[in-house]
Amino acid sequence: MVVRGAPAIGVSAAMGVALGARHSIGKQTLPALLAEIRVIGKVLAATRPTGVNLFWAIERMRKHAAELAADPVPPSPA
């Protein structure tokens, strides 16, 4: 294991979700991106099934993505 310590594992998980979403092949549609974020979270969760901070960070990123998806981007001022 490269990352050691609960807080660092949580930060690494959150960054992993962010990088996975950035490089997502499903980002053409919002539902596809959200589905892929769920898959990314499952893959990361499997790396350390007892990591409390890992699961906390993955869930927080998933919820944040869902909140952003539910809040449309306001039009830019003309």
C-alpha atoms as a PDB file:
ATOM      1  CA  MET A   1       0.000   0.000   0.000  1.00  0.00           C
ATOM      2  CA  VAL A   2       1.365   3.380  -0.984  1.00  0.00           C
ATOM      3  CA  VAL A   3      -0.944   5.653   1.041  1.00  0.00           C
ATOM      4  CA  ARG A   4      -0.964   5.143   4.800  1.00  0.00           C
ATOM      5  CA  GLY A   5      -3.150   6.755   7.442  1.00  0.00           C
ATOM      6  CA  ALA A   6      -6.921   7.146   7.496  1.00  0.00           C
ATOM      7  CA  PRO A   7      -7.080  10.852   6.548  1.00  0.00           C
ATOM      8  CA  ALA A   8      -4.666  10.389   3.645  1.00  0.00           C
ATOM      9  CA  ILE A   9      -6.651   7.392   2.406  1.00  0.00           C
ATOM     10  CA  GLY A  10      -9.829   9.512   2.435  1.00  0.00           C
ATOM     11  CA  VAL A  11      -8.148  12.335   0.528  1.00  0.00           C
ATOM     12  CA  SER A  12      -6.748   9.862  -1.990  1.00  0.00           C
ATOM     13  CA  ALA A  13     -10.199   8.349  -2.508  1.00  0.00           C
ATOM     14  CA  ALA A  14     -11.777  11.750  -3.126  1.00  0.00           C
ATOM     15  CA  MET A  15      -9.047  12.628  -5.602  1.00  0.00           C
ATOM     16  CA  GLY A  16      -9.483   9.238  -7.262  1.00  0.00           C
ATOM     17  CA  VAL A  17     -13.189   9.915  -7.779  1.00  0.00           C
ATOM     18  CA  ALA A  18     -12.425  13.382  -9.155  1.00  0.00           C
ATOM     19  CA  LEU A  19      -9.796  12.067 -11.569  1.00  0.00           C
ATOM     20  CA  GLY A  20     -12.025   9.206 -12.612  1.00  0.00           C
ATOM     21  CA  ALA A  21     -14.872  11.615 -13.356  1.00  0.00           C
ATOM     22  CA  ARG A  22     -12.549  13.906 -15.282  1.00  0.00           C
ATOM     23  CA  HIS A  23     -11.395  11.053 -17.500  1.00  0.00           C
ATOM     24  CA  SER A  24     -14.843   9.474 -17.726  1.00  0.00           C
ATOM     25  CA  ILE A  25     -15.985   8.036 -21.022  1.00  0.00           C
ATOM     26  CA  GLY A  26     -19.578   8.535 -19.854  1.00  0.00           C
ATOM     27  CA  LYS A  27     -19.460  12.293 -19.473  1.00  0.00           C
ATOM     28  CA  GLN A  28     -21.447  12.912 -22.647  1.00  0.00           C
ATOM     29  CA  THR A  29     -24.628  12.723 -20.564  1.00  0.00           C
ATOM     30  CA  LEU A  30     -25.160  13.551 -16.925  1.00  0.00           C
ATOM     31  CA  PRO A  31     -26.858  10.238 -16.026  1.00  0.00           C
ATOM     32  CA  ALA A  32     -23.972   8.314 -17.634  1.00  0.00           C
ATOM     33  CA  LEU A  33     -21.423  10.358 -15.687  1.00  0.00           C
ATOM     34  CA  LEU A  34     -23.237   9.802 -12.389  1.00  0.00           C
ATOM     35  CA  ALA A  35     -23.422   6.075 -13.120  1.00  0.00           C
ATOM     36  CA  GLU A  36     -19.708   5.989 -13.833  1.00  0.00           C
ATOM     37  CA  ILE A  37     -18.966   7.865 -10.604  1.00  0.00           C
ATOM     38  CA  ARG A  38     -20.833   5.095  -8.752  1.00  0.00           C
ATOM     39  CA  VAL A  39     -18.681   2.488 -10.513  1.00  0.00           C
ATOM     40  CA  ILE A  40     -15.501   4.424  -9.705  1.00  0.00           C
ATOM     41  CA  GLY A  41     -16.570   4.506  -6.057  1.00  0.00           C
ATOM     42  CA  LYS A  42     -17.158   0.745  -6.004  1.00  0.00           C
ATOM     43  CA  VAL A  43     -13.734   0.082  -7.515  1.00  0.00           C
ATOM     44  CA  LEU A  44     -12.025   2.358  -4.990  1.00  0.00           C
ATOM     45  CA  ALA A  45     -14.024   0.887  -2.088  1.00  0.00           C
ATOM     46  CA  ALA A  46     -12.827  -2.592  -3.000  1.00  0.00           C
ATOM     47  CA  THR A  47      -9.201  -1.530  -2.493  1.00  0.00           C
ATOM     48  CA  ARG A  48      -9.601  -1.287   1.287  1.00  0.00           C
ATOM     49  CA  PRO A  49     -12.935  -2.658   2.489  1.00  0.00           C
ATOM     50  CA  THR A  50     -12.360  -1.598   6.104  1.00  0.00           C
ATOM     51  CA  GLY A  51     -11.347   2.011   5.400  1.00  0.00           C
ATOM     52  CA  VAL A  52     -13.879   4.251   7.141  1.00  0.00           C
ATOM     53  CA  ASN A  53     -12.382   7.452   5.727  1.00  0.00           C
ATOM     54  CA  LEU A  54     -12.248   5.825   2.301  1.00  0.00           C
ATOM     55  CA  PHE A  55     -15.983   5.125   2.318  1.00  0.00           C
ATOM     56  CA  TRP A  56     -16.762   8.536   3.813  1.00  0.00           C
ATOM     57  CA  ALA A  57     -14.844  10.324   1.043  1.00  0.00           C
ATOM     58  CA  ILE A  58     -16.363   8.217  -1.742  1.00  0.00           C
ATOM     59  CA  GLU A  59     -19.887   8.827  -0.445  1.00  0.00           C
ATOM     60  CA  ARG A  60     -19.247  12.544  -0.028  1.00  0.00           C
ATOM     61  CA  MET A  61     -18.006  12.821  -3.617  1.00  0.00           C
ATOM     62  CA  ARG A  62     -21.002  10.836  -4.898  1.00  0.00           C
ATOM     63  CA  LYS A  63     -23.432  13.070  -3.019  1.00  0.00           C
ATOM     64  CA  HIS A  64     -21.648  16.210  -4.202  1.00  0.00           C
ATOM     65  CA  ALA A  65     -21.867  15.068  -7.820  1.00  0.00           C
ATOM     66  CA  ALA A  66     -25.589  14.351  -7.392  1.00  0.00           C
ATOM     67  CA  GLU A  67     -26.149  17.782  -5.822  1.00  0.00           C
ATOM     68  CA  LEU A  68     -24.335  19.492  -8.686  1.00  0.00           C
ATOM     69  CA  ALA A  69     -26.373  17.503 -11.203  1.00  0.00           C
ATOM     70  CA  ALA A  70     -29.606  18.596  -9.528  1.00  0.00           C
ATOM     71  CA  ASP A  71     -28.610  22.274  -9.565  1.00  0.00           C
ATOM     72  CA  PRO A  72     -28.573  23.599 -13.131  1.00  0.00           C
ATOM     73  CA  VAL A  73     -25.853  26.010 -14.157  1.00  0.00           C
ATOM     74  CA  PRO A  74     -27.277  29.530 -14.428  1.00  0.00           C
ATOM     75  CA  PRO A  75     -26.982  31.169 -17.850  1.00  0.00           C
ATOM     76  CA  SER A  76     -24.043  33.492 -18.218  1.00  0.00           C
ATOM     77  CA  PRO A  77     -24.828  37.211 -18.323  1.00  0.00           C
ATOM     78  CA  ALA A  78     -25.055  38.692 -21.791  1.00  0.00           C
END
